[in-house]
Amino acid sequence: MEENETFLPWRSMFLEPKMSNFSKYGIIVVMSVLTAIILYNIWFVNSCPIKHVVVVNEVEQYQKTLDPELCDSLINKIIELNEKCGIEIEPIDCG
C-alpha cells in the first residue's frame, strides 16, 4: 500500500507538468500571430484579385490627380499585374 501512495505523486508530477495560465496563453498567442503572418504573406500578398483591386483604385486616384509620378509607378504595376496574373488591363497614357 505504501508503494502505491508514494508512486501516485511522482506519477502525477511527470504526467501533468505544471504550467501557469499566463505561459499557456502566451504560447497560444505567439503561435496564432505567427500563423496569421505566414498565411497573410502566402495568400493575401500574392493574391491576384487583391492586386487587381489595388491597381484599379490607383488608376482612379491618378484620374483625379493626374500626377505624373503616380502614372509612372502605375504603368509598372499594370505591366507586372498583366504578366503575373494574366489580367489584361490596358496601360494608361501619361502624356
PDB file of N, CA and C in Angstrom:
ATOM      1  N   MET A   1       0.803  -1.197   0.000  1.00  0.00           N
ATOM      2  CA  MET A   1       0.000   0.000   0.000  1.00  0.00           C
ATOM      3  C   MET A   1       0.845   1.259   0.000  1.00  0.00           C
ATOM      4  N   GLU A   2       1.911   1.270   0.726  1.00  0.00           N
ATOM      5  CA  GLU A   2       2.732   2.468   0.804  1.00  0.00           C
ATOM      6  C   GLU A   2       3.381   2.777  -0.537  1.00  0.00           C
ATOM      7  N   GLU A   3       3.732   1.738  -1.278  1.00  0.00           N
ATOM      8  CA  GLU A   3       4.335   1.975  -2.581  1.00  0.00           C
ATOM      9  C   GLU A   3       3.356   2.702  -3.507  1.00  0.00           C
ATOM     10  N   ASN A   4       2.112   2.314  -3.488  1.00  0.00           N
ATOM     11  CA  ASN A   4       1.114   2.967  -4.323  1.00  0.00           C
ATOM     12  C   ASN A   4       0.931   4.423  -3.918  1.00  0.00           C
ATOM     13  N   GLU A   5       0.983   4.703  -2.633  1.00  0.00           N
ATOM     14  CA  GLU A   5       0.791   6.070  -2.173  1.00  0.00           C
ATOM     15  C   GLU A   5       1.969   6.961  -2.558  1.00  0.00           C
ATOM     16  N   THR A   6       3.174   6.414  -2.514  1.00  0.00           N
ATOM     17  CA  THR A   6       4.334   7.221  -2.910  1.00  0.00           C
ATOM     18  C   THR A   6       4.469   7.304  -4.422  1.00  0.00           C
ATOM     19  N   PHE A   7       3.961   6.315  -5.100  1.00  0.00           N
ATOM     20  CA  PHE A   7       4.064   6.305  -6.550  1.00  0.00           C
ATOM     21  C   PHE A   7       3.127   7.331  -7.201  1.00  0.00           C
ATOM     22  N   LEU A   8       1.956   7.523  -6.638  1.00  0.00           N
ATOM     23  CA  LEU A   8       0.973   8.419  -7.235  1.00  0.00           C
ATOM     24  C   LEU A   8       1.455   9.863  -7.344  1.00  0.00           C
ATOM     25  N   PRO A   9       2.096  10.448  -6.347  1.00  0.00           N
ATOM     26  CA  PRO A   9       2.570  11.824  -6.535  1.00  0.00           C
ATOM     27  C   PRO A   9       3.628  11.933  -7.628  1.00  0.00           C
ATOM     28  N   TRP A  10       4.512  10.963  -7.716  1.00  0.00           N
ATOM     29  CA  TRP A  10       5.524  11.005  -8.767  1.00  0.00           C
ATOM     30  C   TRP A  10       4.881  10.876 -10.140  1.00  0.00           C
ATOM     31  N   ARG A  11       3.893  10.013 -10.201  1.00  0.00           N
ATOM     32  CA  ARG A  11       3.204   9.797 -11.473  1.00  0.00           C
ATOM     33  C   ARG A  11       2.513  11.078 -11.937  1.00  0.00           C
ATOM     34  N   SER A  12       1.819  11.729 -11.051  1.00  0.00           N
ATOM     35  CA  SER A  12       1.108  12.943 -11.445  1.00  0.00           C
ATOM     36  C   SER A  12       2.076  14.082 -11.759  1.00  0.00           C
ATOM     37  N   MET A  13       3.245  14.076 -11.145  1.00  0.00           N
ATOM     38  CA  MET A  13       4.218  15.130 -11.398  1.00  0.00           C
ATOM     39  C   MET A  13       4.752  15.031 -12.830  1.00  0.00           C
ATOM     40  N   PHE A  14       4.983  13.816 -13.321  1.00  0.00           N
ATOM     41  CA  PHE A  14       5.539  13.647 -14.646  1.00  0.00           C
ATOM     42  C   PHE A  14       4.472  13.681 -15.743  1.00  0.00           C
ATOM     43  N   LEU A  15       3.268  13.250 -15.446  1.00  0.00           N
ATOM     44  CA  LEU A  15       2.230  13.225 -16.453  1.00  0.00           C
ATOM     45  C   LEU A  15       1.561  14.581 -16.648  1.00  0.00           C
ATOM     46  N   GLU A  16       1.508  15.397 -15.616  1.00  0.00           N
ATOM     47  CA  GLU A  16       0.841  16.685 -15.697  1.00  0.00           C
ATOM     48  C   GLU A  16       1.821  17.791 -15.314  1.00  0.00           C
ATOM     49  N   PRO A  17       2.631  18.238 -16.262  1.00  0.00           N
ATOM     50  CA  PRO A  17       3.572  19.302 -15.913  1.00  0.00           C
ATOM     51  C   PRO A  17       2.812  20.580 -15.572  1.00  0.00           C
ATOM     52  N   LYS A  18       3.296  21.257 -14.569  1.00  0.00           N
ATOM     53  CA  LYS A  18       2.641  22.475 -14.110  1.00  0.00           C
ATOM     54  C   LYS A  18       3.100  23.646 -14.966  1.00  0.00           C
ATOM     55  N   MET A  19       2.153  24.313 -15.597  1.00  0.00           N
ATOM     56  CA  MET A  19       2.411  25.494 -16.398  1.00  0.00           C
ATOM     57  C   MET A  19       1.401  26.549 -15.990  1.00  0.00           C
ATOM     58  N   SER A  20       1.866  27.732 -15.830  1.00  0.00           N
ATOM     59  CA  SER A  20       0.927  28.782 -15.450  1.00  0.00           C
ATOM     60  C   SER A  20       0.018  29.107 -16.630  1.00  0.00           C
ATOM     61  N   ASN A  21      -1.145  29.639 -16.333  1.00  0.00           N
ATOM     62  CA  ASN A  21      -2.083  30.016 -17.390  1.00  0.00           C
ATOM     63  C   ASN A  21      -1.492  31.090 -18.285  1.00  0.00           C
ATOM     64  N   PHE A  22      -0.696  31.967 -17.703  1.00  0.00           N
ATOM     65  CA  PHE A  22      -0.050  33.017 -18.488  1.00  0.00           C
ATOM     66  C   PHE A  22       0.856  32.410 -19.551  1.00  0.00           C
ATOM     67  N   SER A  23       1.617  31.387 -19.188  1.00  0.00           N
ATOM     68  CA  SER A  23       2.504  30.725 -20.150  1.00  0.00           C
ATOM     69  C   SER A  23       1.716  30.026 -21.248  1.00  0.00           C
ATOM     70  N   LYS A  24       0.622  29.364 -20.867  1.00  0.00           N
ATOM     71  CA  LYS A  24      -0.195  28.669 -21.852  1.00  0.00           C
ATOM     72  C   LYS A  24      -0.794  29.659 -22.845  1.00  0.00           C
ATOM     73  N   TYR A  25      -1.354  30.741 -22.342  1.00  0.00           N
ATOM     74  CA  TYR A  25      -1.967  31.728 -23.226  1.00  0.00           C
ATOM     75  C   TYR A  25      -0.914  32.456 -24.045  1.00  0.00           C
ATOM     76  N   GLY A  26       0.253  32.683 -23.476  1.00  0.00           N
ATOM     77  CA  GLY A  26       1.330  33.332 -24.202  1.00  0.00           C
ATOM     78  C   GLY A  26       1.769  32.512 -25.398  1.00  0.00           C
ATOM     79  N   ILE A  27       1.906  31.212 -25.203  1.00  0.00           N
ATOM     80  CA  ILE A  27       2.297  30.324 -26.292  1.00  0.00           C
ATOM     81  C   ILE A  27       1.220  30.305 -27.372  1.00  0.00           C
ATOM     82  N   ILE A  28      -0.039  30.268 -26.970  1.00  0.00           N
ATOM     83  CA  ILE A  28      -1.147  30.253 -27.933  1.00  0.00           C
ATOM     84  C   ILE A  28      -1.169  31.551 -28.737  1.00  0.00           C
ATOM     85  N   VAL A  29      -0.964  32.679 -28.067  1.00  0.00           N
ATOM     86  CA  VAL A  29      -0.976  33.969 -28.762  1.00  0.00           C
ATOM     87  C   VAL A  29       0.179  34.064 -29.750  1.00  0.00           C
ATOM     88  N   VAL A  30       1.370  33.669 -29.330  1.00  0.00           N
ATOM     89  CA  VAL A  30       2.537  33.735 -30.214  1.00  0.00           C
ATOM     90  C   VAL A  30       2.335  32.832 -31.435  1.00  0.00           C
ATOM     91  N   MET A  31       1.838  31.634 -31.231  1.00  0.00           N
ATOM     92  CA  MET A  31       1.606  30.714 -32.346  1.00  0.00           C
ATOM     93  C   MET A  31       0.528  31.260 -33.284  1.00  0.00           C
ATOM     94  N   SER A  32      -0.500  31.871 -32.740  1.00  0.00           N
ATOM     95  CA  SER A  32      -1.567  32.445 -33.565  1.00  0.00           C
ATOM     96  C   SER A  32      -1.049  33.600 -34.420  1.00  0.00           C
ATOM     97  N   VAL A  33      -0.239  34.460 -33.817  1.00  0.00           N
ATOM     98  CA  VAL A  33       0.311  35.595 -34.557  1.00  0.00           C
ATOM     99  C   VAL A  33       1.229  35.105 -35.669  1.00  0.00           C
ATOM    100  N   LEU A  34       2.086  34.150 -35.387  1.00  0.00           N
ATOM    101  CA  LEU A  34       2.981  33.606 -36.409  1.00  0.00           C
ATOM    102  C   LEU A  34       2.193  32.960 -37.547  1.00  0.00           C
ATOM    103  N   THR A  35       1.153  32.227 -37.215  1.00  0.00           N
ATOM    104  CA  THR A  35       0.320  31.603 -38.235  1.00  0.00           C
ATOM    105  C   THR A  35      -0.360  32.660 -39.099  1.00  0.00           C
ATOM    106  N   ALA A  36      -0.868  33.708 -38.473  1.00  0.00           N
ATOM    107  CA  ALA A  36      -1.533  34.779 -39.219  1.00  0.00           C
ATOM    108  C   ALA A  36      -0.558  35.471 -40.169  1.00  0.00           C
ATOM    109  N   ILE A  37       0.648  35.730 -39.711  1.00  0.00           N
ATOM    110  CA  ILE A  37       1.651  36.386 -40.559  1.00  0.00           C
ATOM    111  C   ILE A  37       2.011  35.506 -41.748  1.00  0.00           C
ATOM    112  N   ILE A  38       2.210  34.238 -41.510  1.00  0.00           N
ATOM    113  CA  ILE A  38       2.560  33.314 -42.592  1.00  0.00           C
ATOM    114  C   ILE A  38       1.426  33.222 -43.606  1.00  0.00           C
ATOM    115  N   LEU A  39       0.194  33.073 -43.125  1.00  0.00           N
ATOM    116  CA  LEU A  39      -0.945  32.991 -44.042  1.00  0.00           C
ATOM    117  C   LEU A  39      -1.132  34.278 -44.823  1.00  0.00           C
ATOM    118  N   TYR A  40      -0.908  35.406 -44.180  1.00  0.00           N
ATOM    119  CA  TYR A  40      -1.039  36.692 -44.867  1.00  0.00           C
ATOM    120  C   TYR A  40      -0.025  36.784 -46.004  1.00  0.00           C
ATOM    121  N   ASN A  41       1.205  36.410 -45.715  1.00  0.00           N
ATOM    122  CA  ASN A  41       2.254  36.501 -46.741  1.00  0.00           C
ATOM    123  C   ASN A  41       2.031  35.518 -47.878  1.00  0.00           C
ATOM    124  N   ILE A  42       1.514  34.365 -47.589  1.00  0.00           N
ATOM    125  CA  ILE A  42       1.311  33.355 -48.631  1.00  0.00           C
ATOM    126  C   ILE A  42       0.082  33.679 -49.478  1.00  0.00           C
ATOM    127  N   TRP A  43      -1.029  34.019 -48.846  1.00  0.00           N
ATOM    128  CA  TRP A  43      -2.273  34.134 -49.581  1.00  0.00           C
ATOM    129  C   TRP A  43      -2.582  35.557 -50.026  1.00  0.00           C
ATOM    130  N   PHE A  44      -2.561  36.500 -49.114  1.00  0.00           N
ATOM    131  CA  PHE A  44      -3.005  37.848 -49.436  1.00  0.00           C
ATOM    132  C   PHE A  44      -2.013  38.617 -50.299  1.00  0.00           C
ATOM    133  N   VAL A  45      -0.738  38.522 -49.993  1.00  0.00           N
ATOM    134  CA  VAL A  45       0.249  39.314 -50.721  1.00  0.00           C
ATOM    135  C   VAL A  45       0.356  38.845 -52.165  1.00  0.00           C
ATOM    136  N   ASN A  46       0.229  37.569 -52.402  1.00  0.00           N
ATOM    137  CA  ASN A  46       0.383  37.035 -53.754  1.00  0.00           C
ATOM    138  C   ASN A  46      -0.952  36.840 -54.465  1.00  0.00           C
ATOM    139  N   SER A  47      -1.992  37.391 -53.921  1.00  0.00           N
ATOM    140  CA  SER A  47      -3.312  37.186 -54.478  1.00  0.00           C
ATOM    141  C   SER A  47      -3.575  38.167 -55.616  1.00  0.00           C
ATOM    142  N   CYS A  48      -3.849  37.650 -56.792  1.00  0.00           N
ATOM    143  CA  CYS A  48      -4.096  38.492 -57.963  1.00  0.00           C
ATOM    144  C   CYS A  48      -5.347  39.357 -57.821  1.00  0.00           C
ATOM    145  N   PRO A  49      -6.448  38.849 -57.299  1.00  0.00           N
ATOM    146  CA  PRO A  49      -7.622  39.717 -57.169  1.00  0.00           C
ATOM    147  C   PRO A  49      -7.377  40.930 -56.270  1.00  0.00           C
ATOM    148  N   ILE A  50      -6.612  40.745 -55.220  1.00  0.00           N
ATOM    149  CA  ILE A  50      -6.324  41.875 -54.330  1.00  0.00           C
ATOM    150  C   ILE A  50      -5.435  42.885 -55.051  1.00  0.00           C
ATOM    151  N   LYS A  51      -4.432  42.394 -55.787  1.00  0.00           N
ATOM    152  CA  LYS A  51      -3.561  43.295 -56.547  1.00  0.00           C
ATOM    153  C   LYS A  51      -4.366  44.045 -57.608  1.00  0.00           C
ATOM    154  N   HIS A  52      -5.318  43.367 -58.214  1.00  0.00           N
ATOM    155  CA  HIS A  52      -6.156  43.984 -59.245  1.00  0.00           C
ATOM    156  C   HIS A  52      -6.971  45.135 -58.649  1.00  0.00           C
ATOM    157  N   VAL A  53      -7.554  44.906 -57.487  1.00  0.00           N
ATOM    158  CA  VAL A  53      -8.337  45.953 -56.821  1.00  0.00           C
ATOM    159  C   VAL A  53      -7.450  47.144 -56.470  1.00  0.00           C
ATOM    160  N   VAL A  54      -6.247  46.872 -56.001  1.00  0.00           N
ATOM    161  CA  VAL A  54      -5.323  47.954 -55.645  1.00  0.00           C
ATOM    162  C   VAL A  54      -4.971  48.781 -56.879  1.00  0.00           C
ATOM    163  N   VAL A  55      -4.689  48.116 -57.991  1.00  0.00           N
ATOM    164  CA  VAL A  55      -4.319  48.835 -59.214  1.00  0.00           C
ATOM    165  C   VAL A  55      -5.507  49.656 -59.726  1.00  0.00           C
ATOM    166  N   VAL A  56      -6.697  49.093 -59.692  1.00  0.00           N
ATOM    167  CA  VAL A  56      -7.879  49.829 -60.151  1.00  0.00           C
ATOM    168  C   VAL A  56      -8.097  51.068 -59.280  1.00  0.00           C
ATOM    169  N   ASN A  57      -7.924  50.933 -57.976  1.00  0.00           N
ATOM    170  CA  ASN A  57      -8.057  52.100 -57.089  1.00  0.00           C
ATOM    171  C   ASN A  57      -6.995  53.156 -57.388  1.00  0.00           C
ATOM    172  N   GLU A  58      -5.788  52.727 -57.698  1.00  0.00           N
ATOM    173  CA  GLU A  58      -4.734  53.681 -58.031  1.00  0.00           C
ATOM    174  C   GLU A  58      -4.986  54.364 -59.369  1.00  0.00           C
ATOM    175  N   VAL A  59      -5.601  53.656 -60.306  1.00  0.00           N
ATOM    176  CA  VAL A  59      -5.963  54.281 -61.587  1.00  0.00           C
ATOM    177  C   VAL A  59      -7.005  55.373 -61.341  1.00  0.00           C
ATOM    178  N   GLU A  60      -7.975  55.082 -60.487  1.00  0.00           N
ATOM    179  CA  GLU A  60      -8.982  56.096 -60.151  1.00  0.00           C
ATOM    180  C   GLU A  60      -8.332  57.292 -59.454  1.00  0.00           C
ATOM    181  N   GLN A  61      -7.368  57.024 -58.581  1.00  0.00           N
ATOM    182  CA  GLN A  61      -6.649  58.099 -57.893  1.00  0.00           C
ATOM    183  C   GLN A  61      -5.868  58.949 -58.911  1.00  0.00           C
ATOM    184  N   TYR A  62      -5.247  58.284 -59.879  1.00  0.00           N
ATOM    185  CA  TYR A  62      -4.494  59.016 -60.903  1.00  0.00           C
ATOM    186  C   TYR A  62      -5.420  59.903 -61.740  1.00  0.00           C
ATOM    187  N   GLN A  63      -6.584  59.376 -62.085  1.00  0.00           N
ATOM    188  CA  GLN A  63      -7.526  60.147 -62.902  1.00  0.00           C
ATOM    189  C   GLN A  63      -8.005  61.403 -62.175  1.00  0.00           C
ATOM    190  N   LYS A  64      -8.001  61.364 -60.857  1.00  0.00           N
ATOM    191  CA  LYS A  64      -8.404  62.547 -60.086  1.00  0.00           C
ATOM    192  C   LYS A  64      -7.265  63.571 -59.985  1.00  0.00           C
ATOM    193  N   THR A  65      -6.021  63.072 -59.835  1.00  0.00           N
ATOM    194  CA  THR A  65      -4.893  63.973 -59.566  1.00  0.00           C
ATOM    195  C   THR A  65      -4.045  64.271 -60.795  1.00  0.00           C
ATOM    196  N   LEU A  66      -3.986  63.332 -61.742  1.00  0.00           N
ATOM    197  CA  LEU A  66      -3.116  63.425 -62.932  1.00  0.00           C
ATOM    198  C   LEU A  66      -1.653  63.695 -62.555  1.00  0.00           C
ATOM    199  N   ASP A  67      -1.209  63.017 -61.490  1.00  0.00           N
ATOM    200  CA  ASP A  67       0.170  63.133 -61.000  1.00  0.00           C
ATOM    201  C   ASP A  67       1.081  62.280 -61.878  1.00  0.00           C
ATOM    202  N   PRO A  68       2.116  62.876 -62.534  1.00  0.00           N
ATOM    203  CA  PRO A  68       2.992  62.108 -63.434  1.00  0.00           C
ATOM    204  C   PRO A  68       3.799  61.026 -62.718  1.00  0.00           C
ATOM    205  N   GLU A  69       4.198  61.265 -61.474  1.00  0.00           N
ATOM    206  CA  GLU A  69       4.957  60.238 -60.732  1.00  0.00           C
ATOM    207  C   GLU A  69       4.080  59.034 -60.444  1.00  0.00           C
ATOM    208  N   LEU A  70       2.836  59.273 -60.085  1.00  0.00           N
ATOM    209  CA  LEU A  70       1.894  58.180 -59.840  1.00  0.00           C
ATOM    210  C   LEU A  70       1.651  57.403 -61.132  1.00  0.00           C
ATOM    211  N   CYS A  71       1.613  58.111 -62.235  1.00  0.00           N
ATOM    212  CA  CYS A  71       1.391  57.464 -63.534  1.00  0.00           C
ATOM    213  C   CYS A  71       2.525  56.491 -63.862  1.00  0.00           C
ATOM    214  N   ASP A  72       3.758  56.916 -63.644  1.00  0.00           N
ATOM    215  CA  ASP A  72       4.906  56.049 -63.948  1.00  0.00           C
ATOM    216  C   ASP A  72       4.889  54.777 -63.109  1.00  0.00           C
ATOM    217  N   SER A  73       4.651  54.921 -61.822  1.00  0.00           N
ATOM    218  CA  SER A  73       4.621  53.737 -60.968  1.00  0.00           C
ATOM    219  C   SER A  73       3.423  52.865 -61.299  1.00  0.00           C
ATOM    220  N   LEU A  74       2.334  53.490 -61.713  1.00  0.00           N
ATOM    221  CA  LEU A  74       1.125  52.746 -62.049  1.00  0.00           C
ATOM    222  C   LEU A  74       1.307  51.913 -63.316  1.00  0.00           C
ATOM    223  N   ILE A  75       2.009  52.465 -64.287  1.00  0.00           N
ATOM    224  CA  ILE A  75       2.277  51.704 -65.516  1.00  0.00           C
ATOM    225  C   ILE A  75       3.068  50.447 -65.193  1.00  0.00           C
ATOM    226  N   ASN A  76       4.070  50.567 -64.325  1.00  0.00           N
ATOM    227  CA  ASN A  76       4.871  49.394 -63.936  1.00  0.00           C
ATOM    228  C   ASN A  76       4.008  48.358 -63.218  1.00  0.00           C
ATOM    229  N   LYS A  77       3.118  48.809 -62.352  1.00  0.00           N
ATOM    230  CA  LYS A  77       2.238  47.876 -61.634  1.00  0.00           C
ATOM    231  C   LYS A  77       1.271  47.189 -62.590  1.00  0.00           C
ATOM    232  N   ILE A  78       0.758  47.927 -63.560  1.00  0.00           N
ATOM    233  CA  ILE A  78      -0.168  47.334 -64.528  1.00  0.00           C
ATOM    234  C   ILE A  78       0.537  46.268 -65.366  1.00  0.00           C
ATOM    235  N   ILE A  79       1.745  46.577 -65.836  1.00  0.00           N
ATOM    236  CA  ILE A  79       2.505  45.608 -66.629  1.00  0.00           C
ATOM    237  C   ILE A  79       2.801  44.357 -65.801  1.00  0.00           C
ATOM    238  N   GLU A  80       3.225  44.549 -64.561  1.00  0.00           N
ATOM    239  CA  GLU A  80       3.516  43.406 -63.685  1.00  0.00           C
ATOM    240  C   GLU A  80       2.268  42.571 -63.431  1.00  0.00           C
ATOM    241  N   LEU A  81       1.139  43.229 -63.189  1.00  0.00           N
ATOM    242  CA  LEU A  81      -0.117  42.511 -62.949  1.00  0.00           C
ATOM    243  C   LEU A  81      -0.536  41.731 -64.189  1.00  0.00           C
ATOM    244  N   ASN A  82      -0.404  42.327 -65.354  1.00  0.00           N
ATOM    245  CA  ASN A  82      -0.755  41.630 -66.593  1.00  0.00           C
ATOM    246  C   ASN A  82       0.110  40.394 -66.805  1.00  0.00           C
ATOM    247  N   GLU A  83       1.404  40.512 -66.511  1.00  0.00           N
ATOM    248  CA  GLU A  83       2.322  39.384 -66.719  1.00  0.00           C
ATOM    249  C   GLU A  83       2.103  38.268 -65.706  1.00  0.00           C
ATOM    250  N   LYS A  84       1.965  38.617 -64.434  1.00  0.00           N
ATOM    251  CA  LYS A  84       1.886  37.596 -63.389  1.00  0.00           C
ATOM    252  C   LYS A  84       0.513  36.954 -63.280  1.00  0.00           C
ATOM    253  N   CYS A  85      -0.532  37.719 -63.512  1.00  0.00           N
ATOM    254  CA  CYS A  85      -1.875  37.216 -63.239  1.00  0.00           C
ATOM    255  C   CYS A  85      -2.694  36.933 -64.492  1.00  0.00           C
ATOM    256  N   GLY A  86      -2.192  37.317 -65.646  1.00  0.00           N
ATOM    257  CA  GLY A  86      -2.930  37.076 -66.870  1.00  0.00           C
ATOM    258  C   GLY A  86      -4.131  37.997 -67.033  1.00  0.00           C
ATOM    259  N   ILE A  87      -4.137  39.091 -66.303  1.00  0.00           N
ATOM    260  CA  ILE A  87      -5.220  40.066 -66.414  1.00  0.00           C
ATOM    261  C   ILE A  87      -4.819  41.067 -67.488  1.00  0.00           C
ATOM    262  N   GLU A  88      -5.760  41.436 -68.317  1.00  0.00           N
ATOM    263  CA  GLU A  88      -5.459  42.373 -69.404  1.00  0.00           C
ATOM    264  C   GLU A  88      -5.997  43.753 -69.076  1.00  0.00           C
ATOM    265  N   ILE A  89      -5.210  44.542 -68.370  1.00  0.00           N
ATOM    266  CA  ILE A  89      -5.535  45.932 -68.113  1.00  0.00           C
ATOM    267  C   ILE A  89      -4.689  46.759 -69.067  1.00  0.00           C
ATOM    268  N   GLU A  90      -5.336  47.671 -69.773  1.00  0.00           N
ATOM    269  CA  GLU A  90      -4.608  48.498 -70.723  1.00  0.00           C
ATOM    270  C   GLU A  90      -3.813  49.547 -69.967  1.00  0.00           C
ATOM    271  N   PRO A  91      -2.490  49.639 -70.226  1.00  0.00           N
ATOM    272  CA  PRO A  91      -1.693  50.680 -69.554  1.00  0.00           C
ATOM    273  C   PRO A  91      -2.219  52.073 -69.885  1.00  0.00           C
ATOM    274  N   ILE A  92      -2.181  52.940 -68.906  1.00  0.00           N
ATOM    275  CA  ILE A  92      -2.723  54.288 -69.090  1.00  0.00           C
ATOM    276  C   ILE A  92      -1.721  55.156 -69.826  1.00  0.00           C
ATOM    277  N   ASP A  93      -2.221  56.222 -70.429  1.00  0.00           N
ATOM    278  CA  ASP A  93      -1.379  57.162 -71.164  1.00  0.00           C
ATOM    279  C   ASP A  93      -0.997  58.313 -70.241  1.00  0.00           C
ATOM    280  N   CYS A  94       0.291  58.485 -70.005  1.00  0.00           N
ATOM    281  CA  CYS A  94       0.749  59.523 -69.085  1.00  0.00           C
ATOM    282  C   CYS A  94       0.901  60.877 -69.772  1.00  0.00           C
ATOM    283  N   GLY A  95       0.757  60.944 -71.065  1.00  0.00           N
ATOM    284  CA  GLY A  95       1.002  62.157 -71.823  1.00  0.00           C
ATOM    285  C   GLY A  95      -0.047  63.147 -71.621  1.00  0.00           C
TER     286      GLY A  95
END
